Every structure is written in C-alpha cells, then in structure tokens.
Amino acid sequence: MADQIARNLQSRGHEEAVEGTAEHIWKFWDPRMKAQIFSDDISGLSPIAREALERLRKGQEDKEQAVAEFNAVNEVGHCDAG
C-alpha cells in the first residue's frame, strides 16, 4: 500500500512525493498498520515509499528520545514531570 501511495504522488517530484507519502501514512494509517510496517523490512519498497518510512521512523525515534529527557533543576527545554 505504501508503494501505491508513492506511485500516485511521484508525478509531483521526488521530495514532494516523499513528504506526501509520509504525511498520508502518518495521518490515515491505523496505528497497527504503522507499527507493522515500521517493524517490517522495507528494502523491497520503491525509493519514495522507503524514504518516507525512514523519515517517519526517524521522527518517531526522535520523539521517543525527547520524551525520555528530563530537566535538571532550573533547566528549561525538556519535561521535568515525573
């Protein structure tokens, strides 16, 4: 399905197709579908679909790391809850 989305958007040019594919997957795919594709080997996908999924994976990893960072006393920029 990721390849179909990428194929539909490829006429927009590579960068816009990657962004559009990533956006579509993020907004419209069920969380279970995203979890499944993030755990799958994506090497067989088209370059656009593969790059879109790599960006989404990277963004998810960045968010998970940011949530785990906490402030020192009087430091700003991270969550100090908990």
N, C-alpha and C. Protein backbone atom coordinates (compact mmCIF):
# COMPACT_ATOMS: atom_id res chain seq x y z
N MET A 1 0.82 -1.18 0.00
CA MET A 1 0.00 0.00 0.00
C MET A 1 0.88 1.27 0.00
N ALA A 2 2.00 1.24 0.71
CA ALA A 2 2.91 2.40 0.72
C ALA A 2 3.43 2.67 -0.68
N ASP A 3 3.72 1.62 -1.43
CA ASP A 3 4.18 1.80 -2.81
C ASP A 3 3.09 2.40 -3.68
N GLN A 4 1.84 2.03 -3.46
CA GLN A 4 0.74 2.61 -4.24
C GLN A 4 0.60 4.10 -3.98
N ILE A 5 0.71 4.48 -2.73
CA ILE A 5 0.63 5.91 -2.38
C ILE A 5 1.78 6.65 -3.04
N ALA A 6 2.98 6.10 -2.94
CA ALA A 6 4.17 6.73 -3.54
C ALA A 6 4.01 6.86 -5.05
N ARG A 7 3.51 5.82 -5.67
CA ARG A 7 3.32 5.83 -7.13
C ARG A 7 2.32 6.91 -7.53
N ASN A 8 1.26 7.09 -6.75
CA ASN A 8 0.26 8.11 -7.05
C ASN A 8 0.82 9.52 -6.92
N LEU A 9 1.84 9.71 -6.09
CA LEU A 9 2.38 11.04 -5.83
C LEU A 9 3.69 11.32 -6.59
N GLN A 10 4.24 10.35 -7.27
CA GLN A 10 5.55 10.53 -7.89
C GLN A 10 5.60 11.61 -8.95
N SER A 11 4.48 11.95 -9.55
CA SER A 11 4.47 13.00 -10.58
C SER A 11 4.75 14.38 -9.99
N ARG A 12 4.66 14.51 -8.68
CA ARG A 12 4.93 15.78 -8.01
C ARG A 12 6.42 16.05 -7.84
N GLY A 13 7.24 15.09 -8.18
CA GLY A 13 8.68 15.20 -7.95
C GLY A 13 9.05 14.42 -6.69
N HIS A 14 10.31 14.04 -6.62
CA HIS A 14 10.76 13.13 -5.57
C HIS A 14 10.47 13.66 -4.16
N GLU A 15 10.96 14.86 -3.86
CA GLU A 15 10.85 15.38 -2.50
C GLU A 15 9.40 15.55 -2.06
N GLU A 16 8.59 16.11 -2.92
CA GLU A 16 7.17 16.30 -2.57
C GLU A 16 6.45 14.96 -2.46
N ALA A 17 6.83 14.00 -3.29
CA ALA A 17 6.22 12.67 -3.21
C ALA A 17 6.59 11.98 -1.90
N VAL A 18 7.84 12.12 -1.47
CA VAL A 18 8.26 11.53 -0.20
C VAL A 18 7.48 12.17 0.95
N GLU A 19 7.41 13.49 0.96
CA GLU A 19 6.68 14.20 2.01
C GLU A 19 5.20 13.82 2.00
N GLY A 20 4.61 13.77 0.82
CA GLY A 20 3.19 13.43 0.71
C GLY A 20 2.90 12.00 1.16
N THR A 21 3.79 11.09 0.81
CA THR A 21 3.63 9.69 1.22
C THR A 21 3.73 9.56 2.72
N ALA A 22 4.74 10.20 3.30
CA ALA A 22 4.91 10.16 4.76
C ALA A 22 3.70 10.77 5.46
N GLU A 23 3.24 11.90 4.96
CA GLU A 23 2.09 12.58 5.57
C GLU A 23 0.84 11.70 5.51
N HIS A 24 0.61 11.08 4.35
CA HIS A 24 -0.56 10.22 4.20
C HIS A 24 -0.50 9.04 5.18
N ILE A 25 0.64 8.40 5.26
CA ILE A 25 0.78 7.26 6.16
C ILE A 25 0.56 7.71 7.60
N TRP A 26 1.17 8.82 7.99
CA TRP A 26 1.05 9.30 9.36
C TRP A 26 -0.38 9.66 9.72
N LYS A 27 -1.08 10.33 8.81
CA LYS A 27 -2.43 10.81 9.10
C LYS A 27 -3.51 9.73 9.01
N PHE A 28 -3.37 8.84 8.03
CA PHE A 28 -4.50 7.98 7.70
C PHE A 28 -4.33 6.51 8.02
N TRP A 29 -3.12 6.06 8.28
CA TRP A 29 -2.95 4.65 8.59
C TRP A 29 -3.27 4.40 10.05
N ASP A 30 -3.93 3.29 10.29
CA ASP A 30 -4.23 2.82 11.63
C ASP A 30 -2.90 2.59 12.38
N PRO A 31 -2.86 2.85 13.69
CA PRO A 31 -1.62 2.63 14.44
C PRO A 31 -1.05 1.22 14.30
N ARG A 32 -1.92 0.24 14.16
CA ARG A 32 -1.44 -1.13 13.97
C ARG A 32 -0.73 -1.30 12.64
N MET A 33 -1.24 -0.63 11.60
CA MET A 33 -0.60 -0.69 10.28
C MET A 33 0.78 -0.03 10.34
N LYS A 34 0.86 1.12 11.01
CA LYS A 34 2.16 1.80 11.13
C LYS A 34 3.14 0.95 11.92
N ALA A 35 2.68 0.37 13.02
CA ALA A 35 3.56 -0.48 13.82
C ALA A 35 4.08 -1.66 13.00
N GLN A 36 3.21 -2.23 12.19
CA GLN A 36 3.61 -3.37 11.36
C GLN A 36 4.66 -2.97 10.33
N ILE A 37 4.43 -1.88 9.61
CA ILE A 37 5.38 -1.51 8.56
C ILE A 37 6.69 -1.02 9.17
N PHE A 38 6.65 -0.40 10.35
CA PHE A 38 7.88 0.03 10.99
C PHE A 38 8.73 -1.16 11.42
N SER A 39 8.09 -2.29 11.68
CA SER A 39 8.84 -3.48 12.08
C SER A 39 9.23 -4.35 10.88
N ASP A 40 8.67 -4.07 9.71
CA ASP A 40 8.97 -4.86 8.51
C ASP A 40 10.27 -4.42 7.85
N ASP A 41 10.81 -5.30 7.02
CA ASP A 41 11.94 -4.97 6.16
C ASP A 41 11.38 -4.16 4.99
N ILE A 42 11.83 -2.93 4.84
CA ILE A 42 11.28 -2.05 3.80
C ILE A 42 12.20 -1.95 2.59
N SER A 43 13.24 -2.78 2.54
CA SER A 43 14.21 -2.67 1.45
C SER A 43 13.61 -2.96 0.08
N GLY A 44 12.51 -3.68 0.01
CA GLY A 44 11.89 -4.01 -1.26
C GLY A 44 10.91 -2.96 -1.78
N LEU A 45 10.69 -1.91 -1.01
CA LEU A 45 9.76 -0.87 -1.43
C LEU A 45 10.42 0.08 -2.43
N SER A 46 9.59 0.85 -3.10
CA SER A 46 10.10 1.86 -4.03
C SER A 46 10.92 2.89 -3.24
N PRO A 47 11.82 3.59 -3.92
CA PRO A 47 12.64 4.59 -3.21
C PRO A 47 11.81 5.65 -2.49
N ILE A 48 10.72 6.09 -3.09
CA ILE A 48 9.88 7.12 -2.46
C ILE A 48 9.24 6.56 -1.19
N ALA A 49 8.63 5.41 -1.26
CA ALA A 49 7.98 4.81 -0.09
C ALA A 49 9.00 4.52 1.00
N ARG A 50 10.15 3.98 0.61
CA ARG A 50 11.19 3.65 1.58
C ARG A 50 11.68 4.91 2.31
N GLU A 51 11.95 5.97 1.56
CA GLU A 51 12.42 7.21 2.17
C GLU A 51 11.36 7.82 3.09
N ALA A 52 10.10 7.76 2.67
CA ALA A 52 9.01 8.27 3.51
C ALA A 52 8.96 7.51 4.84
N LEU A 53 9.05 6.21 4.78
CA LEU A 53 9.01 5.41 6.00
C LEU A 53 10.24 5.62 6.87
N GLU A 54 11.39 5.80 6.25
CA GLU A 54 12.60 6.09 7.02
C GLU A 54 12.46 7.41 7.76
N ARG A 55 11.86 8.40 7.12
CA ARG A 55 11.63 9.70 7.79
C ARG A 55 10.67 9.55 8.95
N LEU A 56 9.61 8.78 8.74
CA LEU A 56 8.65 8.57 9.82
C LEU A 56 9.29 7.82 10.99
N ARG A 57 10.08 6.81 10.68
CA ARG A 57 10.79 6.07 11.74
C ARG A 57 11.70 7.00 12.52
N LYS A 58 12.47 7.82 11.80
CA LYS A 58 13.40 8.75 12.44
C LYS A 58 12.64 9.73 13.32
N GLY A 59 11.54 10.27 12.82
CA GLY A 59 10.74 11.18 13.61
C GLY A 59 10.19 10.54 14.86
N GLN A 60 9.77 9.29 14.76
CA GLN A 60 9.25 8.57 15.91
C GLN A 60 10.35 8.33 16.93
N GLU A 61 11.54 7.95 16.47
CA GLU A 61 12.66 7.73 17.39
C GLU A 61 13.04 9.03 18.09
N ASP A 62 13.05 10.14 17.35
CA ASP A 62 13.37 11.44 17.94
C ASP A 62 12.36 11.81 19.03
N LYS A 63 11.07 11.57 18.76
CA LYS A 63 10.02 11.88 19.74
C LYS A 63 10.18 11.03 20.99
N GLU A 64 10.48 9.74 20.81
CA GLU A 64 10.63 8.84 21.95
C GLU A 64 11.82 9.27 22.81
N GLN A 65 12.90 9.69 22.17
CA GLN A 65 14.07 10.13 22.92
C GLN A 65 13.77 11.43 23.66
N ALA A 66 13.07 12.35 23.02
CA ALA A 66 12.75 13.63 23.65
C ALA A 66 11.87 13.43 24.88
N VAL A 67 10.97 12.49 24.83
CA VAL A 67 10.10 12.22 25.97
C VAL A 67 10.91 11.69 27.15
N ALA A 68 11.99 10.98 26.87
CA ALA A 68 12.79 10.39 27.92
C ALA A 68 13.77 11.38 28.57
N GLU A 69 13.98 12.56 27.97
CA GLU A 69 14.90 13.54 28.51
C GLU A 69 14.18 14.40 29.55
N PHE A 70 14.85 14.66 30.65
CA PHE A 70 14.27 15.45 31.71
C PHE A 70 15.17 16.64 32.03
N ASN A 71 14.60 17.66 32.62
CA ASN A 71 15.34 18.85 33.03
C ASN A 71 16.13 18.60 34.30
N ALA A 72 17.26 19.26 34.38
CA ALA A 72 17.94 19.39 35.66
C ALA A 72 17.22 20.52 36.39
N VAL A 73 17.53 20.74 37.62
CA VAL A 73 16.90 21.83 38.38
C VAL A 73 17.16 23.14 37.67
N ASN A 74 16.12 23.93 37.47
CA ASN A 74 16.16 25.24 36.81
C ASN A 74 16.57 25.19 35.34
N GLU A 75 16.53 24.05 34.70
CA GLU A 75 16.83 23.95 33.27
C GLU A 75 15.52 24.00 32.51
N VAL A 76 15.52 24.62 31.37
CA VAL A 76 14.32 24.68 30.55
C VAL A 76 14.55 23.88 29.27
N GLY A 77 13.46 23.47 28.66
CA GLY A 77 13.55 22.83 27.36
C GLY A 77 13.13 21.39 27.32
N HIS A 78 13.07 20.74 28.45
CA HIS A 78 12.63 19.34 28.49
C HIS A 78 11.54 19.21 29.55
N CYS A 79 10.89 18.11 29.52
CA CYS A 79 9.86 17.84 30.51
C CYS A 79 10.51 17.50 31.84
N ASP A 80 10.07 18.14 32.90
CA ASP A 80 10.59 17.79 34.21
C ASP A 80 9.54 17.11 35.08
N ALA A 81 8.48 16.67 34.45
CA ALA A 81 7.43 15.98 35.18
C ALA A 81 7.89 14.56 35.51
N GLY A 82 7.48 14.05 36.59
CA GLY A 82 7.71 12.67 36.92
C GLY A 82 8.95 12.45 37.67
